[in-house]
Amino acid sequence: NFAKDTPVYYRRISENKFLAFNIPFYGKVKNA
């Protein structure tokens, strides 16, 4: 949904809403 096999941080903020952050290049590119 974000970037496969990378970290996603999420938090529920209402009954059916979440805020999320993902790290799309986590561990994939040297010196990125």
All heavy atoms as atom14 arrays in JSON, in Angstrom:
{
  "sequence": "NFAKDTPVYYRRISENKFLAFNIPFYGKVKNA",
  "atom14_mask": [
    [1, 1, 1, 1, 1, 1, 1, 1, 0, 0, 0, 0, 0, 0],
    [1, 1, 1, 1, 1, 1, 1, 1, 1, 1, 1, 0, 0, 0],
    [1, 1, 1, 1, 1, 0, 0, 0, 0, 0, 0, 0, 0, 0],
    [1, 1, 1, 1, 1, 1, 1, 1, 1, 0, 0, 0, 0, 0],
    [1, 1, 1, 1, 1, 1, 1, 1, 0, 0, 0, 0, 0, 0],
    [1, 1, 1, 1, 1, 1, 1, 0, 0, 0, 0, 0, 0, 0],
    [1, 1, 1, 1, 1, 1, 1, 0, 0, 0, 0, 0, 0, 0],
    [1, 1, 1, 1, 1, 1, 1, 0, 0, 0, 0, 0, 0, 0],
    [1, 1, 1, 1, 1, 1, 1, 1, 1, 1, 1, 1, 0, 0],
    [1, 1, 1, 1, 1, 1, 1, 1, 1, 1, 1, 1, 0, 0],
    [1, 1, 1, 1, 1, 1, 1, 1, 1, 1, 1, 0, 0, 0],
    [1, 1, 1, 1, 1, 1, 1, 1, 1, 1, 1, 0, 0, 0],
    [1, 1, 1, 1, 1, 1, 1, 1, 0, 0, 0, 0, 0, 0],
    [1, 1, 1, 1, 1, 1, 0, 0, 0, 0, 0, 0, 0, 0],
    [1, 1, 1, 1, 1, 1, 1, 1, 1, 0, 0, 0, 0, 0],
    [1, 1, 1, 1, 1, 1, 1, 1, 0, 0, 0, 0, 0, 0],
    [1, 1, 1, 1, 1, 1, 1, 1, 1, 0, 0, 0, 0, 0],
    [1, 1, 1, 1, 1, 1, 1, 1, 1, 1, 1, 0, 0, 0],
    [1, 1, 1, 1, 1, 1, 1, 1, 0, 0, 0, 0, 0, 0],
    [1, 1, 1, 1, 1, 0, 0, 0, 0, 0, 0, 0, 0, 0],
    [1, 1, 1, 1, 1, 1, 1, 1, 1, 1, 1, 0, 0, 0],
    [1, 1, 1, 1, 1, 1, 1, 1, 0, 0, 0, 0, 0, 0],
    [1, 1, 1, 1, 1, 1, 1, 1, 0, 0, 0, 0, 0, 0],
    [1, 1, 1, 1, 1, 1, 1, 0, 0, 0, 0, 0, 0, 0],
    [1, 1, 1, 1, 1, 1, 1, 1, 1, 1, 1, 0, 0, 0],
    [1, 1, 1, 1, 1, 1, 1, 1, 1, 1, 1, 1, 0, 0],
    [1, 1, 1, 1, 0, 0, 0, 0, 0, 0, 0, 0, 0, 0],
    [1, 1, 1, 1, 1, 1, 1, 1, 1, 0, 0, 0, 0, 0],
    [1, 1, 1, 1, 1, 1, 1, 0, 0, 0, 0, 0, 0, 0],
    [1, 1, 1, 1, 1, 1, 1, 1, 1, 0, 0, 0, 0, 0],
    [1, 1, 1, 1, 1, 1, 1, 1, 0, 0, 0, 0, 0, 0],
    [1, 1, 1, 1, 1, 0, 0, 0, 0, 0, 0, 0, 0, 0]
  ],
  "atom14_positions": [
    [[0.83, -1.21, 0.0], [0.0, 0.0, 0.0], [0.86, 1.26, 0.0], [0.46, 2.3, -0.51], [-0.95, 0.03, 1.2], [-2.16, -0.85, 0.99], [-2.74, -0.87, -0.08], [-2.54, -1.59, 2.03], [0.0, 0.0, 0.0], [0.0, 0.0, 0.0], [0.0, 0.0, 0.0], [0.0, 0.0, 0.0], [0.0, 0.0, 0.0], [0.0, 0.0, 0.0]],
    [[2.03, 1.17, 0.57], [2.95, 2.31, 0.67], [4.22, 2.0, -0.13], [4.42, 2.52, -1.2], [3.25, 2.63, 2.13], [2.0, 2.75, 2.96], [1.54, 1.69, 3.72], [1.27, 3.92, 2.95], [0.37, 1.8, 4.46], [0.09, 4.04, 3.67], [-0.35, 2.97, 4.43], [0.0, 0.0, 0.0], [0.0, 0.0, 0.0], [0.0, 0.0, 0.0]],
    [[5.07, 1.18, 0.42], [6.27, 0.68, -0.26], [6.55, -0.69, 0.35], [6.9, -0.8, 1.52], [7.45, 1.62, -0.07], [0.0, 0.0, 0.0], [0.0, 0.0, 0.0], [0.0, 0.0, 0.0], [0.0, 0.0, 0.0], [0.0, 0.0, 0.0], [0.0, 0.0, 0.0], [0.0, 0.0, 0.0], [0.0, 0.0, 0.0], [0.0, 0.0, 0.0]],
    [[6.37, -1.72, -0.42], [6.44, -3.09, 0.07], [7.74, -3.39, 0.8], [8.82, -2.98, 0.37], [6.25, -4.08, -1.07], [5.95, -5.47, -0.6], [5.49, -6.36, -1.73], [5.11, -7.7, -1.15], [4.54, -8.57, -2.13], [0.0, 0.0, 0.0], [0.0, 0.0, 0.0], [0.0, 0.0, 0.0], [0.0, 0.0, 0.0], [0.0, 0.0, 0.0]],
    [[7.6, -4.07, 1.93], [8.71, -4.51, 2.78], [9.49, -3.37, 3.41], [10.68, -3.51, 3.72], [9.67, -5.43, 1.99], [8.97, -6.71, 1.54], [8.11, -7.22, 2.28], [9.29, -7.19, 0.43], [0.0, 0.0, 0.0], [0.0, 0.0, 0.0], [0.0, 0.0, 0.0], [0.0, 0.0, 0.0], [0.0, 0.0, 0.0], [0.0, 0.0, 0.0]],
    [[8.83, -2.25, 3.63], [9.44, -1.11, 4.32], [8.57, -0.72, 5.51], [7.39, -1.05, 5.56], [9.61, 0.1, 3.38], [8.32, 0.53, 2.93], [10.49, -0.25, 2.18], [0.0, 0.0, 0.0], [0.0, 0.0, 0.0], [0.0, 0.0, 0.0], [0.0, 0.0, 0.0], [0.0, 0.0, 0.0], [0.0, 0.0, 0.0], [0.0, 0.0, 0.0]],
    [[9.14, -0.01, 6.48], [8.38, 0.36, 7.68], [7.24, 1.34, 7.36], [7.37, 2.23, 6.54], [9.41, 1.05, 8.57], [10.74, 0.63, 8.05], [10.54, 0.4, 6.59], [0.0, 0.0, 0.0], [0.0, 0.0, 0.0], [0.0, 0.0, 0.0], [0.0, 0.0, 0.0], [0.0, 0.0, 0.0], [0.0, 0.0, 0.0], [0.0, 0.0, 0.0]],
    [[6.13, 1.1, 8.05], [5.0, 2.04, 8.04], [4.62, 2.29, 9.5], [4.56, 1.36, 10.3], [3.81, 1.52, 7.2], [3.26, 0.22, 7.71], [2.71, 2.55, 7.13], [0.0, 0.0, 0.0], [0.0, 0.0, 0.0], [0.0, 0.0, 0.0], [0.0, 0.0, 0.0], [0.0, 0.0, 0.0], [0.0, 0.0, 0.0], [0.0, 0.0, 0.0]],
    [[4.44, 3.55, 9.83], [4.03, 3.96, 11.18], [2.62, 4.51, 11.06], [2.37, 5.37, 10.22], [4.97, 5.05, 11.7], [6.39, 4.59, 11.91], [7.27, 4.49, 10.86], [6.83, 4.24, 13.19], [8.58, 4.06, 11.04], [8.14, 3.81, 13.39], [9.0, 3.72, 12.32], [10.28, 3.3, 12.52], [0.0, 0.0, 0.0], [0.0, 0.0, 0.0]],
    [[1.7, 4.03, 11.88], [0.31, 4.47, 11.77], [-0.31, 4.69, 13.14], [0.14, 4.13, 14.14], [-0.5, 3.44, 10.97], [-0.63, 2.11, 11.7], [-1.69, 1.86, 12.55], [0.35, 1.13, 11.55], [-1.78, 0.66, 13.24], [0.26, -0.06, 12.23], [-0.81, -0.29, 13.07], [-0.9, -1.48, 13.76], [0.0, 0.0, 0.0], [0.0, 0.0, 0.0]],
    [[-1.37, 5.5, 13.13], [-2.11, 5.78, 14.37], [-3.55, 6.09, 14.0], [-3.82, 6.85, 13.08], [-1.48, 6.96, 15.08], [-2.12, 7.31, 16.41], [-1.25, 8.28, 17.18], [-1.24, 9.59, 16.6], [-2.06, 10.59, 16.97], [-2.94, 10.4, 17.92], [-1.98, 11.76, 16.4], [0.0, 0.0, 0.0], [0.0, 0.0, 0.0], [0.0, 0.0, 0.0]],
    [[-4.48, 5.5, 14.73], [-5.9, 5.78, 14.54], [-6.19, 7.16, 15.11], [-5.79, 7.48, 16.23], [-6.76, 4.73, 15.25], [-8.26, 4.93, 15.05], [-9.08, 3.96, 15.89], [-8.9, 2.59, 15.48], [-9.69, 1.95, 14.6], [-10.69, 2.58, 14.05], [-9.45, 0.69, 14.3], [0.0, 0.0, 0.0], [0.0, 0.0, 0.0], [0.0, 0.0, 0.0]],
    [[-6.92, 7.98, 14.33], [-7.29, 9.3, 14.82], [-8.79, 9.51, 14.89], [-9.25, 10.5, 15.45], [-6.62, 10.43, 14.0], [-7.0, 10.32, 12.54], [-5.12, 10.43, 14.21], [-6.59, 11.53, 11.72], [0.0, 0.0, 0.0], [0.0, 0.0, 0.0], [0.0, 0.0, 0.0], [0.0, 0.0, 0.0], [0.0, 0.0, 0.0], [0.0, 0.0, 0.0]],
    [[-9.55, 8.6, 14.31], [-11.01, 8.61, 14.45], [-11.49, 7.19, 14.17], [-10.7, 6.3, 13.92], [-11.67, 9.63, 13.51], [-11.64, 9.18, 12.18], [0.0, 0.0, 0.0], [0.0, 0.0, 0.0], [0.0, 0.0, 0.0], [0.0, 0.0, 0.0], [0.0, 0.0, 0.0], [0.0, 0.0, 0.0], [0.0, 0.0, 0.0], [0.0, 0.0, 0.0]],
    [[-12.79, 7.01, 14.18], [-13.35, 5.67, 14.04], [-12.85, 4.95, 12.79], [-12.54, 3.76, 12.83], [-14.88, 5.75, 14.01], [-15.54, 4.39, 14.01], [-17.06, 4.5, 14.06], [-17.57, 5.48, 14.62], [-17.71, 3.59, 13.52], [0.0, 0.0, 0.0], [0.0, 0.0, 0.0], [0.0, 0.0, 0.0], [0.0, 0.0, 0.0], [0.0, 0.0, 0.0]],
    [[-12.74, 5.67, 11.67], [-12.31, 5.02, 10.43], [-11.18, 5.77, 9.71], [-11.0, 5.62, 8.52], [-13.49, 4.83, 9.49], [-14.03, 6.13, 8.97], [-13.82, 7.19, 9.56], [-14.75, 6.08, 7.86], [0.0, 0.0, 0.0], [0.0, 0.0, 0.0], [0.0, 0.0, 0.0], [0.0, 0.0, 0.0], [0.0, 0.0, 0.0], [0.0, 0.0, 0.0]],
    [[-10.42, 6.57, 10.45], [-9.31, 7.32, 9.86], [-8.01, 7.03, 10.61], [-7.99, 6.97, 11.84], [-9.55, 8.84, 9.91], [-10.71, 9.32, 9.08], [-10.35, 9.37, 7.62], [-11.52, 9.96, 6.85], [-11.39, 9.83, 5.44], [0.0, 0.0, 0.0], [0.0, 0.0, 0.0], [0.0, 0.0, 0.0], [0.0, 0.0, 0.0], [0.0, 0.0, 0.0]],
    [[-6.96, 6.9, 9.84], [-5.63, 6.69, 10.38], [-4.69, 7.69, 9.71], [-4.88, 8.04, 8.55], [-5.12, 5.28, 10.05], [-5.89, 4.18, 10.72], [-7.08, 3.72, 10.18], [-5.41, 3.58, 11.87], [-7.79, 2.69, 10.78], [-6.1, 2.55, 12.48], [-7.3, 2.11, 11.94], [0.0, 0.0, 0.0], [0.0, 0.0, 0.0], [0.0, 0.0, 0.0]],
    [[-3.68, 8.12, 10.43], [-2.57, 8.85, 9.84], [-1.4, 7.87, 9.77], [-1.22, 7.04, 10.67], [-2.18, 10.06, 10.69], [-3.21, 11.19, 10.76], [-2.67, 12.33, 11.62], [-3.6, 11.69, 9.39], [0.0, 0.0, 0.0], [0.0, 0.0, 0.0], [0.0, 0.0, 0.0], [0.0, 0.0, 0.0], [0.0, 0.0, 0.0], [0.0, 0.0, 0.0]],
    [[-0.64, 7.96, 8.7], [0.47, 7.03, 8.54], [1.67, 7.73, 7.9], [1.52, 8.68, 7.13], [0.05, 5.85, 7.67], [0.0, 0.0, 0.0], [0.0, 0.0, 0.0], [0.0, 0.0, 0.0], [0.0, 0.0, 0.0], [0.0, 0.0, 0.0], [0.0, 0.0, 0.0], [0.0, 0.0, 0.0], [0.0, 0.0, 0.0], [0.0, 0.0, 0.0]],
    [[2.84, 7.24, 8.26], [4.09, 7.65, 7.64], [4.78, 6.38, 7.16], [4.72, 5.36, 7.83], [5.02, 8.34, 8.65], [4.53, 9.67, 9.12], [3.82, 9.79, 10.31], [4.8, 10.83, 8.39], [3.37, 11.02, 10.75], [4.36, 12.06, 8.83], [3.65, 12.17, 10.01], [0.0, 0.0, 0.0], [0.0, 0.0, 0.0], [0.0, 0.0, 0.0]],
    [[5.4, 6.45, 6.02], [6.22, 5.31, 5.61], [7.59, 5.82, 5.18], [7.78, 7.0, 4.93], [5.55, 4.5, 4.49], [5.66, 5.16, 3.14], [5.17, 6.26, 2.94], [6.28, 4.48, 2.2], [0.0, 0.0, 0.0], [0.0, 0.0, 0.0], [0.0, 0.0, 0.0], [0.0, 0.0, 0.0], [0.0, 0.0, 0.0], [0.0, 0.0, 0.0]],
    [[8.53, 4.9, 5.18], [9.91, 5.2, 4.81], [10.17, 4.42, 3.52], [10.54, 3.25, 3.56], [10.89, 4.8, 5.93], [10.47, 5.46, 7.25], [12.31, 5.18, 5.56], [11.21, 4.96, 8.46], [0.0, 0.0, 0.0], [0.0, 0.0, 0.0], [0.0, 0.0, 0.0], [0.0, 0.0, 0.0], [0.0, 0.0, 0.0], [0.0, 0.0, 0.0]],
    [[9.93, 5.04, 2.35], [9.91, 4.29, 1.09], [11.23, 3.67, 0.66], [11.22, 2.65, -0.02], [9.44, 5.32, 0.07], [9.74, 6.64, 0.67], [9.65, 6.46, 2.16], [0.0, 0.0, 0.0], [0.0, 0.0, 0.0], [0.0, 0.0, 0.0], [0.0, 0.0, 0.0], [0.0, 0.0, 0.0], [0.0, 0.0, 0.0], [0.0, 0.0, 0.0]],
    [[12.36, 4.23, 1.03], [13.64, 3.71, 0.55], [14.44, 3.07, 1.67], [15.66, 2.95, 1.56], [14.46, 4.82, -0.11], [13.7, 5.5, -1.21], [13.35, 6.84, -1.08], [13.3, 4.82, -2.33], [12.63, 7.48, -2.08], [12.58, 5.44, -3.34], [12.24, 6.78, -3.21], [0.0, 0.0, 0.0], [0.0, 0.0, 0.0], [0.0, 0.0, 0.0]],
    [[13.79, 2.66, 2.73], [14.46, 2.13, 3.92], [15.37, 0.95, 3.54], [14.91, -0.08, 3.07], [13.43, 1.68, 4.94], [14.04, 1.28, 6.25], [14.38, 2.24, 7.2], [14.3, -0.05, 6.54], [14.95, 1.88, 8.41], [14.88, -0.41, 7.74], [15.2, 0.56, 8.67], [15.77, 0.21, 9.85], [0.0, 0.0, 0.0], [0.0, 0.0, 0.0]],
    [[16.66, 1.14, 3.73], [17.62, 0.07, 3.5], [17.81, -0.33, 2.05], [18.45, -1.33, 1.77], [0.0, 0.0, 0.0], [0.0, 0.0, 0.0], [0.0, 0.0, 0.0], [0.0, 0.0, 0.0], [0.0, 0.0, 0.0], [0.0, 0.0, 0.0], [0.0, 0.0, 0.0], [0.0, 0.0, 0.0], [0.0, 0.0, 0.0], [0.0, 0.0, 0.0]],
    [[17.27, 0.43, 1.1], [17.33, 0.01, -0.3], [18.43, 0.7, -1.1], [18.88, 0.18, -2.08], [15.99, 0.25, -0.97], [14.91, -0.63, -0.4], [13.67, -0.59, -1.23], [12.67, -1.55, -0.59], [11.68, -2.01, -1.46], [0.0, 0.0, 0.0], [0.0, 0.0, 0.0], [0.0, 0.0, 0.0], [0.0, 0.0, 0.0], [0.0, 0.0, 0.0]],
    [[18.8, 1.89, -0.71], [19.78, 2.64, -1.49], [20.91, 3.09, -0.56], [20.67, 3.76, 0.43], [19.13, 3.87, -2.16], [20.16, 4.61, -2.99], [17.93, 3.47, -3.01], [0.0, 0.0, 0.0], [0.0, 0.0, 0.0], [0.0, 0.0, 0.0], [0.0, 0.0, 0.0], [0.0, 0.0, 0.0], [0.0, 0.0, 0.0], [0.0, 0.0, 0.0]],
    [[22.11, 2.72, -0.89], [23.27, 3.11, -0.09], [23.41, 4.63, -0.11], [23.31, 5.26, -1.15], [24.53, 2.45, -0.65], [25.74, 2.68, 0.21], [26.95, 1.97, -0.36], [28.16, 2.28, 0.48], [29.35, 1.67, -0.04], [0.0, 0.0, 0.0], [0.0, 0.0, 0.0], [0.0, 0.0, 0.0], [0.0, 0.0, 0.0], [0.0, 0.0, 0.0]],
    [[23.62, 5.2, 1.06], [23.79, 6.64, 1.23], [22.58, 7.47, 0.82], [22.7, 8.64, 0.5], [25.04, 7.14, 0.47], [26.3, 6.55, 1.04], [26.4, 6.3, 2.24], [27.27, 6.32, 0.18], [0.0, 0.0, 0.0], [0.0, 0.0, 0.0], [0.0, 0.0, 0.0], [0.0, 0.0, 0.0], [0.0, 0.0, 0.0], [0.0, 0.0, 0.0]],
    [[21.4, 6.85, 0.78], [20.2, 7.6, 0.38], [19.77, 8.55, 1.48], [20.01, 8.31, 2.66], [19.06, 6.63, 0.08], [0.0, 0.0, 0.0], [0.0, 0.0, 0.0], [0.0, 0.0, 0.0], [0.0, 0.0, 0.0], [0.0, 0.0, 0.0], [0.0, 0.0, 0.0], [0.0, 0.0, 0.0], [0.0, 0.0, 0.0], [0.0, 0.0, 0.0]]
  ]
}
